[in-house]
Amino acid sequence: MVQYCPRCWKEIPPGADPCPHCGETTDEAGLPFVDRLLRTLRHPEPSRAGLAIDILADRLREPRAIAPLIDLLAQSNDAVILRQAVQGLGVLGDLKAVTPLTLVLHNPEIALVVRCEAAAALGALGGKRAEAALLEATKDPRSSVTGAARRALEVMRQGSSA
């Protein structure tokens, strides 16, 4: 089984403490669960980081995850992690995520599935800035993005009339 340092995320020999790379302790026994999950967002194995995203956003609705998830949008190039981070930001519902989600939505270099998920997250967040971003996305050359933007706008409109 491969082990990683929970501080620098480099591979370490089993039971190594301190980490031979960064010199920090690898013992997390006294660290609260949420803090361990927040650290795991930077795990080199996407499945571990993805699980941490799911727990922090979907199950715990942990507001301290917002800033690290926004950071992931700028730092990761893994479409699976980006999609999960976008979904998590939509679930957490903080308007600080509107600008970074807008950047994802309008970036043609990002995987379409992630851009479409950004449209859905913006629709869930709502507000004038999210609506403006979605309206702009209805002009995107990719039909999947325009369709996702239209669906998100419809969700926003239904939510505001309820």
C-alpha atoms as a PDB file:
ATOM      1  CA  MET A   1       0.000   0.000   0.000  1.00  0.00           C
ATOM      2  CA  VAL A   2       1.325   3.415  -0.980  1.00  0.00           C
ATOM      3  CA  GLN A   3       1.475   5.975   1.803  1.00  0.00           C
ATOM      4  CA  TYR A   4       1.732   9.724   1.452  1.00  0.00           C
ATOM      5  CA  CYS A   5       2.842  12.456   3.791  1.00  0.00           C
ATOM      6  CA  PRO A   6      -0.296  14.364   4.844  1.00  0.00           C
ATOM      7  CA  ARG A   7       1.654  17.634   4.664  1.00  0.00           C
ATOM      8  CA  CYS A   8       3.638  17.552   1.380  1.00  0.00           C
ATOM      9  CA  TRP A   9       1.770  14.599  -0.247  1.00  0.00           C
ATOM     10  CA  LYS A  10       4.965  12.895  -1.382  1.00  0.00           C
ATOM     11  CA  GLU A  11       5.184   9.130  -1.233  1.00  0.00           C
ATOM     12  CA  ILE A  12       6.764   7.872   1.985  1.00  0.00           C
ATOM     13  CA  PRO A  13       7.770   4.471   3.337  1.00  0.00           C
ATOM     14  CA  PRO A  14       5.169   2.803   5.574  1.00  0.00           C
ATOM     15  CA  GLY A  15       5.368   4.104   9.131  1.00  0.00           C
ATOM     16  CA  ALA A  16       7.755   6.960   8.317  1.00  0.00           C
ATOM     17  CA  ASP A  17       7.553   9.727  10.908  1.00  0.00           C
ATOM     18  CA  PRO A  18       8.728  12.390  10.358  1.00  0.00           C
ATOM     19  CA  CYS A  19       8.362  12.667   6.570  1.00  0.00           C
ATOM     20  CA  PRO A  20      11.750  12.182   4.904  1.00  0.00           C
ATOM     21  CA  HIS A  21      10.842  14.878   2.331  1.00  0.00           C
ATOM     22  CA  CYS A  22       9.456  17.792   4.354  1.00  0.00           C
ATOM     23  CA  GLY A  23      10.466  16.814   7.907  1.00  0.00           C
ATOM     24  CA  GLU A  24       6.914  17.280   9.260  1.00  0.00           C
ATOM     25  CA  THR A  25       5.160  14.709  11.393  1.00  0.00           C
ATOM     26  CA  THR A  26       2.964  12.237   9.530  1.00  0.00           C
ATOM     27  CA  ASP A  27       0.890  11.530  12.624  1.00  0.00           C
ATOM     28  CA  GLU A  28      -2.576  13.036  12.289  1.00  0.00           C
ATOM     29  CA  ALA A  29      -4.113  11.294  15.291  1.00  0.00           C
ATOM     30  CA  GLY A  30      -4.922  14.531  17.140  1.00  0.00           C
ATOM     31  CA  LEU A  31      -6.138  16.450  14.094  1.00  0.00           C
ATOM     32  CA  PRO A  32      -9.924  16.951  13.827  1.00  0.00           C
ATOM     33  CA  PHE A  33     -11.688  14.992  11.083  1.00  0.00           C
ATOM     34  CA  VAL A  34     -12.697  18.045   9.034  1.00  0.00           C
ATOM     35  CA  ASP A  35      -9.132  19.370   9.090  1.00  0.00           C
ATOM     36  CA  ARG A  36      -7.881  16.028   7.780  1.00  0.00           C
ATOM     37  CA  LEU A  37     -10.479  16.147   5.002  1.00  0.00           C
ATOM     38  CA  LEU A  38      -9.457  19.687   4.065  1.00  0.00           C
ATOM     39  CA  ARG A  39      -5.837  18.541   3.746  1.00  0.00           C
ATOM     40  CA  THR A  40      -6.947  15.584   1.647  1.00  0.00           C
ATOM     41  CA  LEU A  41      -8.286  17.928  -1.036  1.00  0.00           C
ATOM     42  CA  ARG A  42      -4.666  18.176  -2.214  1.00  0.00           C
ATOM     43  CA  HIS A  43      -4.115  14.399  -2.249  1.00  0.00           C
ATOM     44  CA  PRO A  44      -2.283  13.206  -5.395  1.00  0.00           C
ATOM     45  CA  GLU A  45      -4.769  10.363  -5.908  1.00  0.00           C
ATOM     46  CA  PRO A  46      -7.930  11.889  -7.426  1.00  0.00           C
ATOM     47  CA  SER A  47     -10.191   9.305  -5.800  1.00  0.00           C
ATOM     48  CA  ARG A  48      -9.037  10.387  -2.319  1.00  0.00           C
ATOM     49  CA  ALA A  49      -9.448  14.087  -3.058  1.00  0.00           C
ATOM     50  CA  GLY A  50     -12.837  13.385  -4.642  1.00  0.00           C
ATOM     51  CA  LEU A  51     -14.044  11.491  -1.609  1.00  0.00           C
ATOM     52  CA  ALA A  52     -12.981  14.388   0.617  1.00  0.00           C
ATOM     53  CA  ILE A  53     -14.919  16.803  -1.619  1.00  0.00           C
ATOM     54  CA  ASP A  54     -18.029  14.651  -1.417  1.00  0.00           C
ATOM     55  CA  ILE A  55     -17.890  14.388   2.353  1.00  0.00           C
ATOM     56  CA  LEU A  56     -17.116  18.066   2.937  1.00  0.00           C
ATOM     57  CA  ALA A  57     -19.741  19.429   0.548  1.00  0.00           C
ATOM     58  CA  ASP A  58     -22.533  16.883   0.253  1.00  0.00           C
ATOM     59  CA  ARG A  59     -22.546  15.327   3.685  1.00  0.00           C
ATOM     60  CA  LEU A  60     -21.103  17.910   6.061  1.00  0.00           C
ATOM     61  CA  ARG A  61     -21.888  21.122   4.134  1.00  0.00           C
ATOM     62  CA  GLU A  62     -18.638  22.436   5.588  1.00  0.00           C
ATOM     63  CA  PRO A  63     -18.197  26.169   4.861  1.00  0.00           C
ATOM     64  CA  ARG A  64     -14.424  25.961   5.450  1.00  0.00           C
ATOM     65  CA  ALA A  65     -14.239  23.914   2.228  1.00  0.00           C
ATOM     66  CA  ILE A  66     -15.276  26.850   0.023  1.00  0.00           C
ATOM     67  CA  ALA A  67     -11.879  28.549  -0.276  1.00  0.00           C
ATOM     68  CA  PRO A  68      -9.935  25.296  -0.853  1.00  0.00           C
ATOM     69  CA  LEU A  69     -12.460  24.210  -3.490  1.00  0.00           C
ATOM     70  CA  ILE A  70     -12.095  27.559  -5.246  1.00  0.00           C
ATOM     71  CA  ASP A  71      -8.314  27.057  -5.114  1.00  0.00           C
ATOM     72  CA  LEU A  72      -8.737  23.631  -6.725  1.00  0.00           C
ATOM     73  CA  LEU A  73     -10.455  25.259  -9.702  1.00  0.00           C
ATOM     74  CA  ALA A  74      -7.296  27.238 -10.399  1.00  0.00           C
ATOM     75  CA  GLN A  75      -4.786  24.513  -9.527  1.00  0.00           C
ATOM     76  CA  SER A  76      -6.128  21.215 -10.824  1.00  0.00           C
ATOM     77  CA  ASN A  77      -6.249  20.022 -14.402  1.00  0.00           C
ATOM     78  CA  ASP A  78      -8.008  16.758 -13.556  1.00  0.00           C
ATOM     79  CA  ALA A  79     -11.526  16.930 -15.040  1.00  0.00           C
ATOM     80  CA  VAL A  80     -12.970  14.575 -12.422  1.00  0.00           C
ATOM     81  CA  ILE A  81     -11.648  16.657  -9.522  1.00  0.00           C
ATOM     82  CA  LEU A  82     -12.679  19.905 -11.199  1.00  0.00           C
ATOM     83  CA  ARG A  83     -16.190  18.591 -11.752  1.00  0.00           C
ATOM     84  CA  GLN A  84     -16.487  17.494  -8.135  1.00  0.00           C
ATOM     85  CA  ALA A  85     -15.129  20.819  -6.886  1.00  0.00           C
ATOM     86  CA  VAL A  86     -17.646  22.689  -9.058  1.00  0.00           C
ATOM     87  CA  GLN A  87     -20.482  20.508  -7.785  1.00  0.00           C
ATOM     88  CA  GLY A  88     -19.332  21.023  -4.209  1.00  0.00           C
ATOM     89  CA  LEU A  89     -19.316  24.789  -4.641  1.00  0.00           C
ATOM     90  CA  GLY A  90     -22.838  24.652  -6.011  1.00  0.00           C
ATOM     91  CA  VAL A  91     -23.986  22.607  -3.034  1.00  0.00           C
ATOM     92  CA  LEU A  92     -22.265  24.853  -0.499  1.00  0.00           C
ATOM     93  CA  GLY A  93     -24.065  27.858  -1.956  1.00  0.00           C
ATOM     94  CA  ASP A  94     -21.622  30.660  -1.197  1.00  0.00           C
ATOM     95  CA  LEU A  95     -21.710  33.583  -3.631  1.00  0.00           C
ATOM     96  CA  LYS A  96     -17.895  33.885  -3.384  1.00  0.00           C
ATOM     97  CA  ALA A  97     -17.882  30.994  -5.850  1.00  0.00           C
ATOM     98  CA  VAL A  98     -19.671  32.928  -8.627  1.00  0.00           C
ATOM     99  CA  THR A  99     -16.555  34.537 -10.126  1.00  0.00           C
ATOM    100  CA  PRO A 100     -14.397  31.374 -10.167  1.00  0.00           C
ATOM    101  CA  LEU A 101     -17.316  29.324 -11.520  1.00  0.00           C
ATOM    102  CA  THR A 102     -17.843  31.942 -14.224  1.00  0.00           C
ATOM    103  CA  LEU A 103     -14.194  31.633 -15.220  1.00  0.00           C
ATOM    104  CA  VAL A 104     -14.622  27.868 -15.512  1.00  0.00           C
ATOM    105  CA  LEU A 105     -17.840  28.209 -17.503  1.00  0.00           C
ATOM    106  CA  HIS A 106     -16.272  30.542 -20.064  1.00  0.00           C
ATOM    107  CA  ASN A 107     -12.917  28.764 -20.410  1.00  0.00           C
ATOM    108  CA  PRO A 108     -12.861  26.719 -23.655  1.00  0.00           C
ATOM    109  CA  GLU A 109      -9.723  24.897 -22.456  1.00  0.00           C
ATOM    110  CA  ILE A 110     -11.640  23.201 -19.631  1.00  0.00           C
ATOM    111  CA  ALA A 111     -13.465  19.916 -20.252  1.00  0.00           C
ATOM    112  CA  LEU A 112     -17.051  20.364 -21.430  1.00  0.00           C
ATOM    113  CA  VAL A 113     -18.452  18.248 -18.610  1.00  0.00           C
ATOM    114  CA  VAL A 114     -16.832  20.615 -16.094  1.00  0.00           C
ATOM    115  CA  ARG A 115     -18.085  23.720 -17.906  1.00  0.00           C
ATOM    116  CA  CYS A 116     -21.622  22.307 -18.003  1.00  0.00           C
ATOM    117  CA  GLU A 117     -21.416  21.512 -14.305  1.00  0.00           C
ATOM    118  CA  ALA A 118     -20.281  25.097 -13.681  1.00  0.00           C
ATOM    119  CA  ALA A 119     -23.461  26.295 -15.402  1.00  0.00           C
ATOM    120  CA  ALA A 120     -25.558  24.105 -13.107  1.00  0.00           C
ATOM    121  CA  ALA A 121     -23.682  25.345 -10.038  1.00  0.00           C
ATOM    122  CA  LEU A 122     -24.207  28.965 -11.060  1.00  0.00           C
ATOM    123  CA  GLY A 123     -27.898  28.249 -11.532  1.00  0.00           C
ATOM    124  CA  ALA A 124     -28.039  26.807  -8.031  1.00  0.00           C
ATOM    125  CA  LEU A 125     -26.222  29.828  -6.580  1.00  0.00           C
ATOM    126  CA  GLY A 126     -28.391  32.369  -8.352  1.00  0.00           C
ATOM    127  CA  GLY A 127     -28.049  36.136  -8.238  1.00  0.00           C
ATOM    128  CA  LYS A 128     -27.450  38.783 -10.866  1.00  0.00           C
ATOM    129  CA  ARG A 129     -23.788  37.944 -11.497  1.00  0.00           C
ATOM    130  CA  ALA A 130     -24.562  34.252 -11.967  1.00  0.00           C
ATOM    131  CA  GLU A 131     -27.446  35.109 -14.283  1.00  0.00           C
ATOM    132  CA  ALA A 132     -25.227  37.404 -16.365  1.00  0.00           C
ATOM    133  CA  ALA A 133     -22.602  34.662 -16.689  1.00  0.00           C
ATOM    134  CA  LEU A 134     -25.228  32.160 -17.767  1.00  0.00           C
ATOM    135  CA  LEU A 135     -26.751  34.558 -20.303  1.00  0.00           C
ATOM    136  CA  GLU A 136     -23.299  35.073 -21.811  1.00  0.00           C
ATOM    137  CA  ALA A 137     -22.809  31.295 -21.938  1.00  0.00           C
ATOM    138  CA  THR A 138     -25.954  30.896 -24.048  1.00  0.00           C
ATOM    139  CA  LYS A 139     -23.835  32.380 -26.871  1.00  0.00           C
ATOM    140  CA  ASP A 140     -21.037  29.812 -26.475  1.00  0.00           C
ATOM    141  CA  PRO A 141     -20.083  27.962 -29.673  1.00  0.00           C
ATOM    142  CA  ARG A 142     -20.472  24.597 -27.910  1.00  0.00           C
ATOM    143  CA  SER A 143     -24.082  23.421 -27.856  1.00  0.00           C
ATOM    144  CA  SER A 144     -23.578  21.441 -24.654  1.00  0.00           C
ATOM    145  CA  VAL A 145     -22.525  24.627 -22.838  1.00  0.00           C
ATOM    146  CA  THR A 146     -25.406  26.672 -24.244  1.00  0.00           C
ATOM    147  CA  GLY A 147     -27.865  23.927 -23.300  1.00  0.00           C
ATOM    148  CA  ALA A 148     -26.487  23.700 -19.777  1.00  0.00           C
ATOM    149  CA  ALA A 149     -26.659  27.494 -19.429  1.00  0.00           C
ATOM    150  CA  ARG A 150     -30.281  27.557 -20.597  1.00  0.00           C
ATOM    151  CA  ARG A 151     -31.235  24.790 -18.170  1.00  0.00           C
ATOM    152  CA  ALA A 152     -29.487  26.610 -15.315  1.00  0.00           C
ATOM    153  CA  LEU A 153     -31.293  29.851 -16.178  1.00  0.00           C
ATOM    154  CA  GLU A 154     -34.592  27.975 -16.108  1.00  0.00           C
ATOM    155  CA  VAL A 155     -33.740  26.571 -12.668  1.00  0.00           C
ATOM    156  CA  MET A 156     -32.947  30.094 -11.470  1.00  0.00           C
ATOM    157  CA  ARG A 157     -36.198  31.463 -12.838  1.00  0.00           C
ATOM    158  CA  GLN A 158     -38.254  28.686 -11.300  1.00  0.00           C
ATOM    159  CA  GLY A 159     -36.547  29.257  -7.960  1.00  0.00           C
ATOM    160  CA  SER A 160     -37.245  32.989  -8.014  1.00  0.00           C
ATOM    161  CA  SER A 161     -40.953  32.476  -8.825  1.00  0.00           C
ATOM    162  CA  ALA A 162     -41.484  29.936  -6.043  1.00  0.00           C
END
